[in-house]
Amino acid sequence: MKASAQSLCNNILSRAHEEKIEITPMKLQKILYYVCVKYVKETGIFPIYERFEVWKYGPVIPSIYSEFKPFGASPIKGFACNAKKKSMMVDEDANPILKSCIDYVWNKLKTYDGVDLAKRTHQKGGGWRSAYQNGNEIISTEEMKCDETL
């Protein structure tokens, strides 16, 4: 069952706020990307409705960019909200594989900043790099499955 990118971001933001770890919009995008990479590697299924685009500083979900753009390079203080101004989260109990992927990526990457994570996505063997080199605007599930930068 796919989730909205906003809901999945809220799961990540919840961990950040709980642990008092600053998370900027760039860092959130990259952690979201790696959660999706891990999930694709585990299940072969892309976990969210939107696809990652190939932007200059790495993979980006445009709706997440728009949602958190007001924070610029500053830490995000809130959560993504739907049209009814309600913040939703993915039910991790209903999807233990996704919970495991979020936990794994969060614990591995939470101490890095957005710039470091952007550099990581550009490394040889990365899905972003593969898509970029192939002139693709979207990072495919197959490119994510083959991503070796996590």
Foldseek 3Di string as FASTA:
>chain_A
DADALQQALQVLVVVCVVVVFFAALLNSQLLSLQLQLQLCLVPVDRRHDFFWFQDPLATDGVVSCVQRVVCPQGGDDDGGADPVRHGHHDDCVVPVSSVVSSVVSCVVPRVDYSNVSSVLCCDPQHQSVVCVVVVHGTRDSVSSNRRPSD
